[in-house]
Amino acid sequence: MSFVLTLTARELPSSSRRLLVSFLAIAIGVGSVVALRSLIKNLKAVVGTDVRALLTADIDISSTNELSPSVVQKIETAVKAAGIVDGRSETITANVMARPSDPAKQAVKFVDLRGVTDTFPLVGDFRLSDGSRFEASLLENNGAVISQLTAEDLGVGVGEKIKIGEHEFKIAGIFSEEPGGTGGMRFGGRVYISKRAFDASGLAQTARVRRHLLLRTIDDPTALTVALRDALSGDAVTVANYREQQEDLGEQFTRMEDYLALTGLLILVLGGIGVWNVARAFVEQKRKTIAILKCLGASGRRVIGVYLLQMLVLGLIGSLFGILLGQAALLAAKWNFSESLPAKMSFGVPFETALQGLFLGVAISLLFSALPLVQIRTIRPKVLLHDANNTTVSRLDRGRWAIALTMLLGLLALAVWQAGSFKVGAYFLIGLSVASAILYSAAGIFTYLLRKLRRINSFSLRQGINSLYRPGNQTRVVLLTVGLGAFVVLGVQMIAGNLLREFDFSERSKLPSMFFVDIQRSQVDGLASMIEGRASENPEVIAITRARLAYVNGEPIDWSDREIRRQSGQIGREFAITSRQDLAPYEKIIDGKWWPERDDEPQVSVEENMAKRLKIVPGDSITFEISGRPITARVANIRNIDVKQARTAFVFVFRPGTLETAPQTFAASILKHTPSIVRQKLQRAVLDEFPNVQVIDVDDVLAAVQKMIANFVLAISVVGGFVILSGIMILIGSIALTKSQRVYEHSILKALGANRRQLTALLFAEYALVGSLAGVLGSAFAAAMSWVVCRYLMEIGWRFDWLVFCGGVLATAVLVSVVGVAASFDVLFKRPLATLRSQ
């Protein structure tokens, strides 16, 4: 053991100078794992552990309808029997339009309006931006407390007034965080008013609202939740408690953490591939040293131990540096995204995450270096007597098969550990192996074809191609790693380009630019005249009825079912339904027939995706609840809607003759696209004249969607950038390891008359070839991946983007050329005489 430690201590300083750059790829992988896991863990710590504050209660009973006396009686009976409720509060929420009362301020924005009772919040600390605690008295006399986002959007402050519908509210406070502030999805910033003011405003009659009865308990709320669900089974009421929310949120955070960790592991494995190639080349360079050690009596195991210990130390150093990189990444996230993340969130690396990163880095270093190092056993002392470049046994003997199997099982164990699932971990390893094998094989085919090229007149290009095959070259590995990084970045860019095209008005001429909803029958003519006068377009007006699903084929929808609750946004929501005689041009019947002749039974047409969710076919029955009254309709057909050509897309369309007597509002839309200032003035004019009408500016919605897509692209591109960076580190390490061979080649060329300009061109040709091949591989596979994702997963149109493809190839070629030449530039200044004398 002392021999191993002594020799390791002597060799490590010189080895580290040549190998450490390659182990920076390990550092990048460890940094990725640590940063991604730490970010989710810290977010979970501040959000996921205090779900009571997010729910603002222990139990939330909610419905889009006003709770009927029978429902209230059932709730009171269950609550009384449980005897654990010590506080209650009521809230009512709606998405409405708000605007400053000052006519000089033209801003109009959607807000998430919440009417609350005096006991709100039952749970959670609600403080205003000035640090004072929220008090119900702030909402008296039509007071309002608004979010900082709302204040900025409307350009208002404390003491000023805003108008919601026909009513004015005076801003009594501004907050930056509030109970439930990170939960749910909203159209805009939140505004709090008293529930009494909400009811008095009449918004409950004109807007789509959701009512919440919140309960605080002194004991575990699970039993009471079950009792409430049993009592309310069949009623369109949702019952949730904070423990279930915490469990669901915890599962989501854990799943997200595991999947992001797999992303980091991908980068780490690429670093491991670099370590494997570096170790292989390192052993080839050390063949004579190893032969001398064996002549002096050292066994193969001892020599392997020496170099394995060196790899261990370098892997440890790389992993420690990776933890520092992870911490730096967290601080960068705090700097750039502090407004989007909770104020109380920590941005440090948890100790257990740091240990995980350290273990992963060292494990990957050992797993990938073990197989190349085991070939030390095959190096014989006779290497000293003659040049035996091919004496190393390349076939896999039993020992190397055992090491290879151990390596595979080790990678599987790490993937399963990081994914938290054997199935996901196995799929990850299989997918990575298949993708790497395809890229590696494609790289081999490309380089083979290059070698077959004849009659290349350019000396620099000819020598550049020959340089790709020098002893110890890592051409394929560099092509694999850099190509994989280009694949990730360019693939996301191509998908994003097709996604953004879906939200491009020039591609969807039938998509309205503005919607006007909640129009009363008496307002239709006046509103249509106003729109026509200001937008120079006669709007399309459609009658709409609000309905909820109650029964399918006579069976009630079980709202207490957990899976149904998870899909409540698709099944349990309130639907806008309409009726019409004819099939729209952008619709196609895929099952059944359009309205049959002479049939007085109510008929309904169902959109195909909803039909799949409800598992219904033509001939089945659906019962809708419309303003508390059930209406049963027979499914006449299933429709496909071409959303690209659709002006409006209704999930349920009734045959005329059924909905005419039901309560109806109207919706209007225009297609013409006008400047932002014109749209804003139209919104303001409509709300001043018709305060109950909600105006949706589709341009603003699409801008928000495009921003979301851009953020997604940025996040994934950063990950792809880390992959490319790993490839660049491997490239630099490859250059460091083969520098002596490169110096010798250049010395011969100088002796034969090559000048510095020609040698510089040779370097550029070599690395431009590598970069171009990596770019072509990455771009080609990115195009294939984007086609599969767009056509079969997202089901959207796909176009080949020549600009992204060619730009990706060029950018990769330039990046690899610059890095390669910069890392090899000192070779140009080596004097040939000293080099040739040493050989």
Foldseek 3Di string as FASTA:
>chain_A
DVVLVVVLVVCLVVVCVQCLLLLLLLLLLLLQLLQLLQVLVLQCVVDLVPLCLLVLFFKKKKFLDDQDPLLVVLLVVLCVVVVFFDDKKKKKWFWFKKAFPPPVQLFIFTAIEMAIAQCPRVDDFAAFPVGHGDGLVCQPPQEKEWEPFVCVRRVDDAQTWMDFQNDIHGYHTYHHDGRSRPDDDDRTTYMYHHVVVVVVNCLSVQTRMMMIMHTHGPDNCPVSQVSSLVSCWLPLMFMDGSVVVSVVVVVVSLQSSLVSSLLSVLSNLLSLLLLLLLLLLVCLVCLQVLLVVVVVPDALVSVLSNVLVSLLVSLLVSLVSSQVSNLVVLVVCCVPPVSVGDVPGDSHRDPVSSVVSSVSSSLSSNLSNVLSSSLSNQRHNCCVVDPCSPSRDPDQDPVSVVSPVVSLVSQLVNQCVSNVHSVRSVVSSVVSVVLLVVQLVLQVVVLVVLVPDPDDPQPLLVLLSVVCPPPSHPLSSLLSLLLQLLLLLLLLVQLLVQVLCLLDCVQQLLAFQKKKWSAAPVCVVVLQVLCCVLVVDRWDKFKWFKKAWADKLNHGDGSHDPVCVVCCVPHSDIFIEGADADDDPQKDFPAADGDDPPDPAKEKEFEPVVCVVVVDHFQIKTWIQGPNDIHIHGYGTYMYGPVSHDHDDGRMYIYPDPCPPGDIHMMIGHSDDDDPVSVSNSVSVCCVVRVSMHMDRVVVVSVVVSVVSVVVSVVSSVSSVSSNVSSLSSLLSSCSSCVLVVLQVVLVVVVVPDALVSVLSSLLSNQLVSQLSSLQSSLVSSLVSSCCCCCPVVNGDGDDDPCSSVVSSVVSSVVRSVSRCVSNVVSSVDHSVVSVVVD
